[in-house]
Each structure stands twice: as structure tokens, then as C-alpha cells.
Amino acid sequence: MKTTLDLPDELVRQMKLRAVTQGRTLRDLVADFLRQGLGLANPKPAPPISPESGVFINTDGLPVFRCANSAPAGHMSIDQLLQLEQDALTSEDMQRAGLSV
């Protein structure tokens, strides 16, 4: 079943980071959190991050994504990367609102 929740931005960021670092979808992570909160399931241990994923946790606790040298992101400026992220977020918001992208 689909539902829409209005959650604080920082909470959603933290959930997305955890999902990425655990190699899980946000949907599965949130469903597990809800099951745990309702007392329907025991917490699952986080699976280890596969070295092939290209993701590792920095000393600051933040995920770092490694990509191939030929990846387009490797040749983009910070401003271009930030604009790409903003465009993706705007597109997601418009889809959630039922507007054409």
C-alpha cells in the first residue's frame, strides 16, 4: 500500500544514508523501523557493506561513493553535481505531487 508521510528533512536524509550504507531500499528500511516500533519484529543486524558496492563509511561516519574513472560524475564540477541533485529532488517532488516532469 502506498502512503505519503510529511517527515522532517533531516530524518529522511538520515534514513536514506542508512539505507545506502546497509545496501537496502528506503522502503525496506522504513518498513523494518515501523515493525520494530510496533513490536512486530526484532531488529535485524545491518548487513556488511559489500566492497564491490563502491560505498564505504568515512571516518566522519558519512558514506563515500567511489565510481569508475569513466563515470560522468568524475568530470563534473561541484556546482554541476549540486544542480543534478537538485533537479533529481525536484523531479521526485513533482512525481509525488502527481505533476508531469
N, C-alpha and C. Protein backbone atom coordinates (compact mmCIF):
# COMPACT_ATOMS: atom_id res chain seq x y z
N MET A 1 0.84 -1.17 0.00
CA MET A 1 0.00 0.00 0.00
C MET A 1 0.90 1.24 0.00
N LYS A 2 0.54 2.21 -0.80
CA LYS A 2 1.28 3.46 -0.83
C LYS A 2 0.67 4.43 0.16
N THR A 3 1.55 5.22 0.78
CA THR A 3 1.09 6.28 1.67
C THR A 3 2.09 7.42 1.61
N THR A 4 1.67 8.59 1.98
CA THR A 4 2.54 9.76 1.99
C THR A 4 2.68 10.24 3.42
N LEU A 5 3.92 10.46 3.82
CA LEU A 5 4.20 10.99 5.16
C LEU A 5 4.96 12.29 5.03
N ASP A 6 4.66 13.23 5.87
CA ASP A 6 5.38 14.50 5.91
C ASP A 6 6.37 14.41 7.06
N LEU A 7 7.63 14.11 6.73
CA LEU A 7 8.67 13.90 7.74
C LEU A 7 9.70 15.01 7.67
N PRO A 8 10.39 15.27 8.78
CA PRO A 8 11.46 16.28 8.75
C PRO A 8 12.56 15.89 7.76
N ASP A 9 13.06 16.88 7.03
CA ASP A 9 14.09 16.63 6.01
C ASP A 9 15.30 15.90 6.58
N GLU A 10 15.76 16.31 7.75
CA GLU A 10 16.95 15.69 8.34
C GLU A 10 16.71 14.21 8.65
N LEU A 11 15.52 13.87 9.09
CA LEU A 11 15.19 12.48 9.37
C LEU A 11 15.22 11.65 8.09
N VAL A 12 14.66 12.18 7.02
CA VAL A 12 14.66 11.47 5.74
C VAL A 12 16.09 11.31 5.24
N ARG A 13 16.92 12.34 5.37
CA ARG A 13 18.33 12.22 4.96
C ARG A 13 19.01 11.09 5.72
N GLN A 14 18.80 11.05 7.03
CA GLN A 14 19.43 10.01 7.85
C GLN A 14 18.95 8.62 7.44
N MET A 15 17.67 8.49 7.14
CA MET A 15 17.15 7.18 6.71
C MET A 15 17.74 6.78 5.36
N LYS A 16 17.85 7.74 4.44
CA LYS A 16 18.43 7.44 3.13
C LYS A 16 19.89 7.02 3.27
N LEU A 17 20.64 7.73 4.11
CA LEU A 17 22.04 7.37 4.34
C LEU A 17 22.15 5.97 4.92
N ARG A 18 21.31 5.66 5.89
CA ARG A 18 21.36 4.34 6.49
C ARG A 18 21.00 3.27 5.47
N ALA A 19 19.99 3.53 4.66
CA ALA A 19 19.60 2.55 3.64
C ALA A 19 20.75 2.29 2.67
N VAL A 20 21.42 3.35 2.23
CA VAL A 20 22.54 3.20 1.30
C VAL A 20 23.68 2.43 1.95
N THR A 21 24.02 2.81 3.17
CA THR A 21 25.16 2.14 3.82
C THR A 21 24.86 0.68 4.13
N GLN A 22 23.58 0.34 4.29
CA GLN A 22 23.21 -1.05 4.55
C GLN A 22 22.88 -1.82 3.27
N GLY A 23 22.94 -1.13 2.13
CA GLY A 23 22.64 -1.80 0.87
C GLY A 23 21.18 -2.22 0.76
N ARG A 24 20.29 -1.40 1.31
CA ARG A 24 18.86 -1.71 1.33
C ARG A 24 18.08 -0.60 0.66
N THR A 25 16.84 -0.88 0.33
CA THR A 25 15.98 0.17 -0.19
C THR A 25 15.42 0.97 0.99
N LEU A 26 15.09 2.20 0.74
CA LEU A 26 14.48 3.04 1.77
C LEU A 26 13.15 2.42 2.23
N ARG A 27 12.42 1.87 1.28
CA ARG A 27 11.14 1.23 1.60
C ARG A 27 11.32 0.10 2.63
N ASP A 28 12.28 -0.78 2.39
CA ASP A 28 12.51 -1.89 3.31
C ASP A 28 12.98 -1.41 4.68
N LEU A 29 13.86 -0.41 4.68
CA LEU A 29 14.37 0.13 5.93
C LEU A 29 13.24 0.72 6.77
N VAL A 30 12.39 1.54 6.15
CA VAL A 30 11.29 2.18 6.87
C VAL A 30 10.29 1.12 7.36
N ALA A 31 10.01 0.13 6.53
CA ALA A 31 9.09 -0.94 6.95
C ALA A 31 9.63 -1.66 8.18
N ASP A 32 10.94 -1.94 8.19
CA ASP A 32 11.55 -2.58 9.37
C ASP A 32 11.48 -1.68 10.60
N PHE A 33 11.72 -0.39 10.42
CA PHE A 33 11.62 0.54 11.55
C PHE A 33 10.20 0.54 12.13
N LEU A 34 9.22 0.55 11.25
CA LEU A 34 7.83 0.55 11.71
C LEU A 34 7.49 -0.76 12.43
N ARG A 35 7.93 -1.88 11.87
CA ARG A 35 7.68 -3.17 12.54
C ARG A 35 8.31 -3.18 13.93
N GLN A 36 9.55 -2.70 14.02
CA GLN A 36 10.24 -2.66 15.32
C GLN A 36 9.50 -1.75 16.29
N GLY A 37 9.09 -0.58 15.81
CA GLY A 37 8.39 0.37 16.66
C GLY A 37 7.06 -0.15 17.17
N LEU A 38 6.43 -0.98 16.36
CA LEU A 38 5.14 -1.56 16.76
C LEU A 38 5.32 -2.87 17.53
N GLY A 39 6.57 -3.27 17.72
CA GLY A 39 6.84 -4.51 18.46
C GLY A 39 6.51 -5.75 17.66
N LEU A 40 6.50 -5.65 16.34
CA LEU A 40 6.15 -6.79 15.49
C LEU A 40 7.37 -7.60 15.04
N ALA A 41 8.56 -7.06 15.25
CA ALA A 41 9.76 -7.78 14.80
C ALA A 41 10.96 -7.35 15.63
N ASN A 42 11.90 -8.25 15.72
CA ASN A 42 13.17 -7.91 16.36
C ASN A 42 14.05 -7.17 15.38
N PRO A 43 14.90 -6.26 15.87
CA PRO A 43 15.80 -5.55 14.96
C PRO A 43 16.72 -6.51 14.24
N LYS A 44 16.92 -6.25 12.95
CA LYS A 44 17.85 -7.05 12.16
C LYS A 44 19.22 -6.39 12.20
N PRO A 45 20.28 -7.18 12.32
CA PRO A 45 21.61 -6.57 12.26
C PRO A 45 21.86 -6.03 10.85
N ALA A 46 22.57 -4.94 10.79
CA ALA A 46 22.88 -4.34 9.49
C ALA A 46 23.81 -5.25 8.72
N PRO A 47 23.48 -5.55 7.46
CA PRO A 47 24.39 -6.37 6.66
C PRO A 47 25.67 -5.60 6.38
N PRO A 48 26.79 -6.30 6.26
CA PRO A 48 28.03 -5.60 5.95
C PRO A 48 27.98 -4.99 4.54
N ILE A 49 28.70 -3.92 4.37
CA ILE A 49 28.75 -3.26 3.06
C ILE A 49 29.69 -4.05 2.16
N SER A 50 29.20 -4.41 1.00
CA SER A 50 30.00 -5.16 0.04
C SER A 50 31.09 -4.26 -0.54
N PRO A 51 32.34 -4.74 -0.59
CA PRO A 51 33.40 -3.91 -1.19
C PRO A 51 33.12 -3.56 -2.65
N GLU A 52 32.37 -4.42 -3.35
CA GLU A 52 32.05 -4.16 -4.76
C GLU A 52 31.05 -3.04 -4.94
N SER A 53 30.37 -2.63 -3.86
CA SER A 53 29.35 -1.60 -3.98
C SER A 53 29.93 -0.23 -4.29
N GLY A 54 31.20 -0.03 -3.96
CA GLY A 54 31.81 1.28 -4.16
C GLY A 54 31.47 2.26 -3.06
N VAL A 55 30.82 1.80 -2.00
CA VAL A 55 30.43 2.65 -0.88
C VAL A 55 31.24 2.25 0.35
N PHE A 56 31.78 3.24 1.04
CA PHE A 56 32.40 2.96 2.33
C PHE A 56 32.10 4.12 3.27
N ILE A 57 32.26 3.87 4.56
CA ILE A 57 31.96 4.88 5.56
C ILE A 57 33.25 5.62 5.91
N ASN A 58 33.22 6.92 5.77
CA ASN A 58 34.35 7.79 6.07
C ASN A 58 34.58 7.84 7.58
N THR A 59 35.71 8.38 8.01
CA THR A 59 35.99 8.50 9.44
C THR A 59 34.99 9.42 10.14
N ASP A 60 34.32 10.29 9.38
CA ASP A 60 33.27 11.17 9.93
C ASP A 60 31.94 10.44 10.10
N GLY A 61 31.87 9.20 9.61
CA GLY A 61 30.62 8.46 9.67
C GLY A 61 29.74 8.68 8.46
N LEU A 62 30.22 9.42 7.48
CA LEU A 62 29.44 9.71 6.27
C LEU A 62 29.79 8.71 5.17
N PRO A 63 28.81 8.33 4.35
CA PRO A 63 29.12 7.41 3.26
C PRO A 63 29.88 8.12 2.14
N VAL A 64 30.82 7.41 1.56
CA VAL A 64 31.58 7.91 0.42
C VAL A 64 31.32 6.95 -0.73
N PHE A 65 31.00 7.51 -1.89
CA PHE A 65 30.68 6.71 -3.06
C PHE A 65 31.85 6.79 -4.04
N ARG A 66 32.43 5.66 -4.34
CA ARG A 66 33.52 5.61 -5.33
C ARG A 66 32.92 5.16 -6.66
N CYS A 67 33.31 5.84 -7.72
CA CYS A 67 32.82 5.46 -9.03
C CYS A 67 34.01 5.25 -9.97
N ALA A 68 33.74 4.61 -11.07
CA ALA A 68 34.78 4.36 -12.06
C ALA A 68 35.30 5.69 -12.61
N ASN A 69 36.54 5.69 -13.04
CA ASN A 69 37.13 6.91 -13.61
C ASN A 69 36.36 7.42 -14.82
N SER A 70 35.69 6.51 -15.51
CA SER A 70 34.94 6.91 -16.71
C SER A 70 33.53 7.42 -16.38
N ALA A 71 33.11 7.40 -15.12
CA ALA A 71 31.77 7.85 -14.75
C ALA A 71 31.63 9.36 -15.01
N PRO A 72 30.47 9.79 -15.50
CA PRO A 72 30.26 11.21 -15.79
C PRO A 72 30.49 12.12 -14.58
N ALA A 73 30.14 11.65 -13.39
CA ALA A 73 30.29 12.48 -12.19
C ALA A 73 31.74 12.84 -11.93
N GLY A 74 32.66 12.00 -12.38
CA GLY A 74 34.08 12.27 -12.17
C GLY A 74 34.58 13.50 -12.94
N HIS A 75 33.81 13.93 -13.91
CA HIS A 75 34.21 15.06 -14.75
C HIS A 75 33.32 16.28 -14.55
N MET A 76 32.51 16.25 -13.49
CA MET A 76 31.58 17.36 -13.24
C MET A 76 32.09 18.22 -12.09
N SER A 77 31.78 19.51 -12.14
CA SER A 77 32.14 20.42 -11.06
C SER A 77 31.17 20.22 -9.89
N ILE A 78 31.53 20.74 -8.75
CA ILE A 78 30.66 20.68 -7.58
C ILE A 78 29.31 21.34 -7.90
N ASP A 79 29.35 22.49 -8.56
CA ASP A 79 28.11 23.19 -8.92
C ASP A 79 27.22 22.33 -9.82
N GLN A 80 27.84 21.64 -10.77
CA GLN A 80 27.07 20.77 -11.67
C GLN A 80 26.46 19.60 -10.89
N LEU A 81 27.24 19.02 -9.97
CA LEU A 81 26.74 17.90 -9.16
C LEU A 81 25.58 18.35 -8.26
N LEU A 82 25.73 19.52 -7.65
CA LEU A 82 24.65 20.03 -6.80
C LEU A 82 23.40 20.31 -7.62
N GLN A 83 23.57 20.85 -8.82
CA GLN A 83 22.42 21.12 -9.69
C GLN A 83 21.75 19.81 -10.10
N LEU A 84 22.54 18.79 -10.39
CA LEU A 84 22.00 17.49 -10.74
C LEU A 84 21.17 16.91 -9.59
N GLU A 85 21.70 17.03 -8.37
CA GLU A 85 20.96 16.57 -7.20
C GLU A 85 19.65 17.35 -7.04
N GLN A 86 19.72 18.67 -7.17
CA GLN A 86 18.53 19.50 -7.03
C GLN A 86 17.49 19.14 -8.08
N ASP A 87 17.92 18.91 -9.32
CA ASP A 87 17.00 18.52 -10.38
C ASP A 87 16.31 17.19 -10.06
N ALA A 88 17.07 16.24 -9.52
CA ALA A 88 16.51 14.94 -9.16
C ALA A 88 15.48 15.10 -8.04
N LEU A 89 15.80 15.90 -7.03
CA LEU A 89 14.87 16.12 -5.93
C LEU A 89 13.59 16.81 -6.41
N THR A 90 13.74 17.79 -7.28
CA THR A 90 12.57 18.49 -7.84
C THR A 90 11.71 17.53 -8.63
N SER A 91 12.34 16.67 -9.43
CA SER A 91 11.61 15.69 -10.23
C SER A 91 10.84 14.72 -9.32
N GLU A 92 11.49 14.25 -8.25
CA GLU A 92 10.81 13.36 -7.30
C GLU A 92 9.62 14.05 -6.66
N ASP A 93 9.80 15.31 -6.26
CA ASP A 93 8.71 16.07 -5.63
C ASP A 93 7.53 16.23 -6.59
N MET A 94 7.84 16.52 -7.85
CA MET A 94 6.77 16.71 -8.82
C MET A 94 6.02 15.40 -9.07
N GLN A 95 6.75 14.29 -9.13
CA GLN A 95 6.10 12.99 -9.31
C GLN A 95 5.18 12.66 -8.14
N ARG A 96 5.67 12.94 -6.92
CA ARG A 96 4.84 12.69 -5.72
C ARG A 96 3.58 13.54 -5.73
N ALA A 97 3.70 14.75 -6.28
CA ALA A 97 2.55 15.66 -6.32
C ALA A 97 1.62 15.35 -7.50
N GLY A 98 2.01 14.37 -8.32
CA GLY A 98 1.18 13.99 -9.46
C GLY A 98 1.31 14.93 -10.65
N LEU A 99 2.39 15.70 -10.69
CA LEU A 99 2.62 16.63 -11.79
C LEU A 99 3.56 15.99 -12.81
N SER A 100 3.42 16.40 -14.07
CA SER A 100 4.30 15.85 -15.10
C SER A 100 5.70 16.44 -14.94
N VAL A 101 6.66 15.62 -15.25
CA VAL A 101 8.07 16.03 -15.09
C VAL A 101 8.60 16.58 -16.37
